[in-house]
C-alpha atoms as a PDB file:
ATOM      1  CA  MET A   1      62.699 106.079  50.218  1.00  0.00           C
ATOM      2  CA  LYS A   2      65.463 103.743  50.302  1.00  0.00           C
ATOM      3  CA  LYS A   3      67.884 106.339  49.908  1.00  0.00           C
ATOM      4  CA  LEU A   4      66.763 108.261  53.027  1.00  0.00           C
ATOM      5  CA  PHE A   5      66.395 105.636  55.064  1.00  0.00           C
ATOM      6  CA  VAL A   6      70.086 104.252  54.917  1.00  0.00           C
ATOM      7  CA  THR A   7      71.034 107.999  54.824  1.00  0.00           C
ATOM      8  CA  CYS A   8      69.084 108.441  57.978  1.00  0.00           C
ATOM      9  CA  TRP A   9      70.265 104.969  59.388  1.00  0.00           C
ATOM     10  CA  LEU A  10      74.286 105.812  58.873  1.00  0.00           C
ATOM     11  CA  LEU A  11      73.579 109.546  60.239  1.00  0.00           C
ATOM     12  CA  LEU A  12      72.465 107.658  63.237  1.00  0.00           C
ATOM     13  CA  LEU A  13      75.478 104.902  63.253  1.00  0.00           C
ATOM     14  CA  LEU A  14      77.890 107.531  63.091  1.00  0.00           C
ATOM     15  CA  SER A  15      76.375 110.257  65.797  1.00  0.00           C
ATOM     16  CA  GLY A  16      76.682 106.676  68.209  1.00  0.00           C
ATOM     17  CA  VAL A  17      80.094 105.912  67.104  1.00  0.00           C
ATOM     18  CA  CYS A  18      81.182 110.186  68.135  1.00  0.00           C
ATOM     19  CA  TYR A  19      79.223 110.289  71.371  1.00  0.00           C
ATOM     20  CA  ILE A  20      81.138 106.887  72.498  1.00  0.00           C
ATOM     21  CA  PHE A  21      84.543 108.486  71.584  1.00  0.00           C
ATOM     22  CA  TRP A  22      83.345 111.725  73.011  1.00  0.00           C
ATOM     23  CA  TYR A  23      82.245 110.100  76.363  1.00  0.00           C
ATOM     24  CA  ASN A  24      85.453 108.157  76.676  1.00  0.00           C
ATOM     25  CA  GLU A  25      87.472 111.119  76.520  1.00  0.00           C
ATOM     26  CA  TRP A  26      85.229 113.157  78.376  1.00  0.00           C
ATOM     27  CA  LYS A  27      85.487 110.785  81.440  1.00  0.00           C
ATOM     28  CA  TYR A  28      89.299 110.764  81.695  1.00  0.00           C
ATOM     29  CA  THR A  29      89.316 114.816  81.691  1.00  0.00           C
ATOM     30  CA  LEU A  30      87.628 114.408  85.230  1.00  0.00           C
ATOM     31  CA  PRO A  31      89.114 114.275  88.110  1.00  0.00           C
ATOM     32  CA  THR A  32      89.329 110.603  89.701  1.00  0.00           C
ATOM     33  CA  PRO A  33      87.294 110.398  92.831  1.00  0.00           C
ATOM     34  CA  VAL A  34      89.159 110.118  95.950  1.00  0.00           C
ATOM     35  CA  PRO A  35      88.257 107.277  98.383  1.00  0.00           C
ATOM     36  CA  GLN A  36      86.808 107.695 101.467  1.00  0.00           C
ATOM     37  CA  ASN A  37      89.155 105.371 103.344  1.00  0.00           C
ATOM     38  CA  LEU A  38      92.095 106.824 101.746  1.00  0.00           C
ATOM     39  CA  HIS A  39      95.480 106.566 103.654  1.00  0.00           C
ATOM     40  CA  ALA A  40      96.928 110.128 102.517  1.00  0.00           C
ATOM     41  CA  VAL A  41     100.617 110.569 102.334  1.00  0.00           C
ATOM     42  CA  ASN A  42     102.127 113.895 102.194  1.00  0.00           C
ATOM     43  CA  LYS A  43     104.819 115.334 100.495  1.00  0.00           C
ATOM     44  CA  GLY A  44     108.321 114.742 102.544  1.00  0.00           C
ATOM     45  CA  GLU A  45     106.771 112.077 104.500  1.00  0.00           C
ATOM     46  CA  HIS A  46     108.453 108.485 104.984  1.00  0.00           C
ATOM     47  CA  VAL A  47     106.852 105.946 103.116  1.00  0.00           C
ATOM     48  CA  GLU A  48     107.301 102.493 104.095  1.00  0.00           C
ATOM     49  CA  LEU A  49     107.449  99.836 101.286  1.00  0.00           C
ATOM     50  CA  SER A  50     107.657  96.517 100.803  1.00  0.00           C
ATOM     51  CA  ASP A  51     110.605  94.241 101.046  1.00  0.00           C
ATOM     52  CA  ARG A  52     110.525  93.360  97.190  1.00  0.00           C
ATOM     53  CA  ILE A  53     111.448  96.965  96.613  1.00  0.00           C
ATOM     54  CA  HIS A  54     115.078  97.245  96.602  1.00  0.00           C
ATOM     55  CA  THR A  55     116.856 100.687  95.577  1.00  0.00           C
ATOM     56  CA  GLU A  56     120.101 100.153  94.051  1.00  0.00           C
ATOM     57  CA  ASN A  57     123.062 101.838  95.755  1.00  0.00           C
ATOM     58  CA  GLY A  58     120.971 105.176  97.467  1.00  0.00           C
ATOM     59  CA  LYS A  59     119.619 105.998  93.818  1.00  0.00           C
ATOM     60  CA  PRO A  60     116.089 107.889  94.590  1.00  0.00           C
ATOM     61  CA  LEU A  61     112.943 105.259  93.267  1.00  0.00           C
ATOM     62  CA  PHE A  62     110.424 105.839  90.565  1.00  0.00           C
ATOM     63  CA  ILE A  63     107.378 103.841  91.231  1.00  0.00           C
ATOM     64  CA  HIS A  64     104.897 103.757  88.039  1.00  0.00           C
ATOM     65  CA  PHE A  65     101.374 102.425  89.077  1.00  0.00           C
ATOM     66  CA  PHE A  66      99.543 100.732  86.082  1.00  0.00           C
ATOM     67  CA  ASN A  67      96.727  98.796  85.462  1.00  0.00           C
ATOM     68  CA  PRO A  68      96.303  96.976  81.666  1.00  0.00           C
ATOM     69  CA  ASP A  69      92.624  97.684  81.626  1.00  0.00           C
ATOM     70  CA  CYS A  70      93.177 101.122  81.748  1.00  0.00           C
ATOM     71  CA  PRO A  71      93.251 103.107  79.013  1.00  0.00           C
ATOM     72  CA  CYS A  72      95.078 106.100  80.114  1.00  0.00           C
ATOM     73  CA  SER A  73      97.885 103.348  81.725  1.00  0.00           C
ATOM     74  CA  ARG A  74      98.053 101.959  78.253  1.00  0.00           C
ATOM     75  CA  PHE A  75      98.935 105.443  76.681  1.00  0.00           C
ATOM     76  CA  ASN A  76     101.156 106.377  79.048  1.00  0.00           C
ATOM     77  CA  ILE A  77     103.504 102.975  78.553  1.00  0.00           C
ATOM     78  CA  PRO A  78     105.306 104.810  75.771  1.00  0.00           C
ATOM     79  CA  HIS A  79     106.395 107.646  77.762  1.00  0.00           C
ATOM     80  CA  PHE A  80     107.031 105.661  80.856  1.00  0.00           C
ATOM     81  CA  ASN A  81     109.565 103.793  78.806  1.00  0.00           C
ATOM     82  CA  SER A  82     111.261 107.053  77.530  1.00  0.00           C
ATOM     83  CA  LEU A  83     111.908 108.206  81.002  1.00  0.00           C
ATOM     84  CA  VAL A  84     113.566 104.689  81.710  1.00  0.00           C
ATOM     85  CA  ARG A  85     116.103 105.229  79.171  1.00  0.00           C
ATOM     86  CA  LYS A  86     116.537 108.321  79.978  1.00  0.00           C
ATOM     87  CA  TYR A  87     117.035 108.094  84.040  1.00  0.00           C
ATOM     88  CA  GLY A  88     117.762 104.566  84.397  1.00  0.00           C
ATOM     89  CA  ASP A  89     121.374 105.764  85.633  1.00  0.00           C
ATOM     90  CA  LYS A  90     120.089 107.924  87.967  1.00  0.00           C
ATOM     91  CA  PHE A  91     116.629 106.280  89.349  1.00  0.00           C
ATOM     92  CA  THR A  92     115.423 102.693  90.244  1.00  0.00           C
ATOM     93  CA  PHE A  93     112.212 102.206  88.543  1.00  0.00           C
ATOM     94  CA  VAL A  94     109.492  99.581  89.395  1.00  0.00           C
ATOM     95  CA  VAL A  95     106.407  98.860  87.746  1.00  0.00           C
ATOM     96  CA  VAL A  96     103.244  97.857  89.848  1.00  0.00           C
ATOM     97  CA  VAL A  97     100.483  96.526  88.470  1.00  0.00           C
ATOM     98  CA  ILE A  98      97.263  96.861  90.166  1.00  0.00           C
ATOM     99  CA  ASN A  99      94.552  94.258  88.546  1.00  0.00           C
ATOM    100  CA  LYS A 100      91.792  93.350  90.502  1.00  0.00           C
ATOM    101  CA  ALA A 101      90.809  90.632  88.167  1.00  0.00           C
ATOM    102  CA  LYS A 102      94.608  89.550  87.935  1.00  0.00           C
ATOM    103  CA  ASN A 103      94.021  88.354  83.947  1.00  0.00           C
ATOM    104  CA  TYR A 104      97.543  89.189  83.162  1.00  0.00           C
ATOM    105  CA  SER A 105     100.753  87.734  84.276  1.00  0.00           C
ATOM    106  CA  ILE A 106     104.223  89.461  84.816  1.00  0.00           C
ATOM    107  CA  GLU A 107     105.731  88.000  82.146  1.00  0.00           C
ATOM    108  CA  ASP A 108     102.463  89.248  79.592  1.00  0.00           C
ATOM    109  CA  ILE A 109     102.635  92.470  80.770  1.00  0.00           C
ATOM    110  CA  ARG A 110     106.389  92.597  80.274  1.00  0.00           C
ATOM    111  CA  ASP A 111     106.368  91.414  76.980  1.00  0.00           C
ATOM    112  CA  LYS A 112     103.624  93.134  75.702  1.00  0.00           C
ATOM    113  CA  TYR A 113     104.295  96.871  77.034  1.00  0.00           C
ATOM    114  CA  ASP A 114     108.371  95.847  76.736  1.00  0.00           C
ATOM    115  CA  LEU A 115     109.054  96.878  79.806  1.00  0.00           C
ATOM    116  CA  THR A 116     112.636  96.327  80.598  1.00  0.00           C
ATOM    117  CA  VAL A 117     112.449  97.196  84.841  1.00  0.00           C
ATOM    118  CA  PRO A 118     111.219  94.957  87.912  1.00  0.00           C
ATOM    119  CA  ILE A 119     107.028  94.537  87.946  1.00  0.00           C
ATOM    120  CA  LEU A 120     105.572  93.928  91.027  1.00  0.00           C
ATOM    121  CA  ALA A 121     101.605  93.059  91.826  1.00  0.00           C
ATOM    122  CA  ASP A 122     100.954  94.428  95.139  1.00  0.00           C
ATOM    123  CA  GLN A 123      97.989  96.955  95.762  1.00  0.00           C
ATOM    124  CA  SER A 124      99.816  97.376  99.281  1.00  0.00           C
ATOM    125  CA  ILE A 125     102.454  99.576  97.653  1.00  0.00           C
ATOM    126  CA  ALA A 126      99.577 101.798  96.196  1.00  0.00           C
ATOM    127  CA  ASN A 127      97.862 102.292  99.784  1.00  0.00           C
ATOM    128  CA  SER A 128     101.378 103.180 101.114  1.00  0.00           C
ATOM    129  CA  CYS A 129     102.116 105.568  98.703  1.00  0.00           C
ATOM    130  CA  GLY A 130      98.507 107.110  98.782  1.00  0.00           C
ATOM    131  CA  VAL A 131      97.846 106.214  94.892  1.00  0.00           C
ATOM    132  CA  TYR A 132      93.955 105.535  94.157  1.00  0.00           C
ATOM    133  CA  SER A 133      93.999 105.930  90.506  1.00  0.00           C
ATOM    134  CA  THR A 134      96.268 104.669  87.197  1.00  0.00           C
ATOM    135  CA  PRO A 135      98.704 105.788  85.620  1.00  0.00           C
ATOM    136  CA  GLN A 136     100.267 107.560  88.443  1.00  0.00           C
ATOM    137  CA  ALA A 137     104.139 108.148  89.353  1.00  0.00           C
ATOM    138  CA  VAL A 138     105.554 108.215  92.436  1.00  0.00           C
ATOM    139  CA  ILE A 139     108.775 109.411  93.505  1.00  0.00           C
ATOM    140  CA  LEU A 140     110.618 108.569  96.843  1.00  0.00           C
ATOM    141  CA  ASP A 141     114.005 110.657  97.257  1.00  0.00           C
ATOM    142  CA  ALA A 142     116.903 108.669  98.272  1.00  0.00           C
ATOM    143  CA  GLY A 143     115.679 108.416 102.265  1.00  0.00           C
ATOM    144  CA  SER A 144     112.399 106.883 100.583  1.00  0.00           C
ATOM    145  CA  ASN A 145     110.474 110.494 101.478  1.00  0.00           C
ATOM    146  CA  LEU A 146     107.772 111.241  99.112  1.00  0.00           C
ATOM    147  CA  TYR A 147     109.035 113.483  96.779  1.00  0.00           C
ATOM    148  CA  TYR A 148     106.166 113.775  93.874  1.00  0.00           C
ATOM    149  CA  ARG A 149     103.082 111.959  93.767  1.00  0.00           C
ATOM    150  CA  GLY A 150     100.614 112.462  90.706  1.00  0.00           C
ATOM    151  CA  ASN A 151     100.292 112.588  87.040  1.00  0.00           C
ATOM    152  CA  TYR A 152     102.609 112.558  84.220  1.00  0.00           C
ATOM    153  CA  ASN A 153     101.259 114.750  81.884  1.00  0.00           C
ATOM    154  CA  ARG A 154      98.363 116.998  81.735  1.00  0.00           C
ATOM    155  CA  SER A 155      97.439 115.036  78.318  1.00  0.00           C
ATOM    156  CA  ARG A 156      95.785 111.796  78.142  1.00  0.00           C
ATOM    157  CA  TYR A 157      98.413 110.838  75.405  1.00  0.00           C
ATOM    158  CA  CYS A 158     101.391 112.637  76.910  1.00  0.00           C
ATOM    159  CA  THR A 159     102.142 114.952  74.209  1.00  0.00           C
ATOM    160  CA  ASP A 160     102.467 117.863  76.062  1.00  0.00           C
ATOM    161  CA  ASN A 161     105.583 118.885  76.914  1.00  0.00           C
ATOM    162  CA  LYS A 162     104.788 122.021  78.789  1.00  0.00           C
ATOM    163  CA  SER A 163     103.338 119.844  81.156  1.00  0.00           C
ATOM    164  CA  ASN A 164     105.400 116.683  81.329  1.00  0.00           C
ATOM    165  CA  PHE A 165     105.257 116.768  85.259  1.00  0.00           C
ATOM    166  CA  ALA A 166     106.849 113.649  86.030  1.00  0.00           C
ATOM    167  CA  GLN A 167     109.975 114.670  84.229  1.00  0.00           C
ATOM    168  CA  MET A 168     110.147 117.644  85.782  1.00  0.00           C
ATOM    169  CA  ALA A 169     109.829 116.188  88.981  1.00  0.00           C
ATOM    170  CA  ILE A 170     112.405 114.148  88.440  1.00  0.00           C
ATOM    171  CA  ASP A 171     114.782 116.885  86.933  1.00  0.00           C
ATOM    172  CA  SER A 172     114.005 118.828  90.173  1.00  0.00           C
ATOM    173  CA  LEU A 173     114.993 116.243  92.364  1.00  0.00           C
ATOM    174  CA  LEU A 174     118.530 115.636  91.043  1.00  0.00           C
ATOM    175  CA  ASN A 175     118.767 119.287  90.809  1.00  0.00           C
ATOM    176  CA  ASN A 176     118.466 119.411  94.519  1.00  0.00           C
ATOM    177  CA  SER A 177     115.428 121.356  94.630  1.00  0.00           C
ATOM    178  CA  SER A 178     113.280 121.020  97.633  1.00  0.00           C
ATOM    179  CA  ASN A 179     110.137 122.670  96.391  1.00  0.00           C
ATOM    180  CA  PRO A 180     109.045 122.027  92.796  1.00  0.00           C
ATOM    181  CA  ILE A 181     105.624 123.978  92.360  1.00  0.00           C
ATOM    182  CA  PHE A 182     102.961 122.251  90.229  1.00  0.00           C
ATOM    183  CA  SER A 183      99.271 122.942  89.314  1.00  0.00           C
ATOM    184  CA  GLN A 184      96.484 120.601  90.149  1.00  0.00           C
ATOM    185  CA  TYR A 185      96.657 119.065  86.902  1.00  0.00           C
ATOM    186  CA  ALA A 186      99.979 117.623  88.123  1.00  0.00           C
ATOM    187  CA  LEU A 187      98.594 116.780  91.652  1.00  0.00           C
ATOM    188  CA  LYS A 188      94.885 115.954  91.251  1.00  0.00           C
ATOM    189  CA  ALA A 189      94.539 112.007  90.257  1.00  0.00           C
ATOM    190  CA  TYR A 190      93.503 111.882  86.797  1.00  0.00           C
ATOM    191  CA  GLY A 191      92.808 108.239  85.012  1.00  0.00           C
ATOM    192  CA  CYS A 192      91.149 105.171  86.101  1.00  0.00           C
ATOM    193  CA  GLN A 193      90.096 104.276  89.599  1.00  0.00           C
ATOM    194  CA  LEU A 194      91.661 101.480  91.658  1.00  0.00           C
ATOM    195  CA  PRO A 195      91.529  98.816  92.261  1.00  0.00           C
ATOM    196  CA  TYR A 196      89.083  98.264  89.321  1.00  0.00           C
ATOM    197  CA  CYS A 197      89.023 100.190  85.887  1.00  0.00           C
ATOM    198  CA  THR A 198      86.476 102.388  86.256  1.00  0.00           C
ATOM    199  CA  ARG A 199      85.706 105.909  87.247  1.00  0.00           C
END
């Protein structure tokens, strides 16, 4: 009888753990709800940015929107850093940290995630770019016009090379292509809703 009780208890515990993992994976496969008061920014539209962002010698700008409380953001950091290493001489890269609780300093984030690019904590930049979830990539051309706003990859772990959307957008801009075509998985926001890490 004791063996049966322990077996049932372990099965129940295992089921609970499996459910938690399933639920966490499932909720991040759903699109992030669009806020009612979203300031929509269309492709090609000029984006006015904070005076705190300066591009180098007319380079295009790549803005990474990041929330340390968002699991998707944390999984995405190695991928983002690989883009910085590969394209850092052709783009100005900036990280914009959106964290309503503000329980992280810029130095904490720089050290913990091995970031070598400027880091800003400014919600107004997300508003100006029409960003409402993390992680999101925004690419502005040399004239500060929106070229791409969307996801890095279809996979939460950024492991699917066939859907490496942010890198495809970078390559497209560098090749002077004016009209890259992306699926809904690239352009519809998935991840953690701003300003809190919620769905």
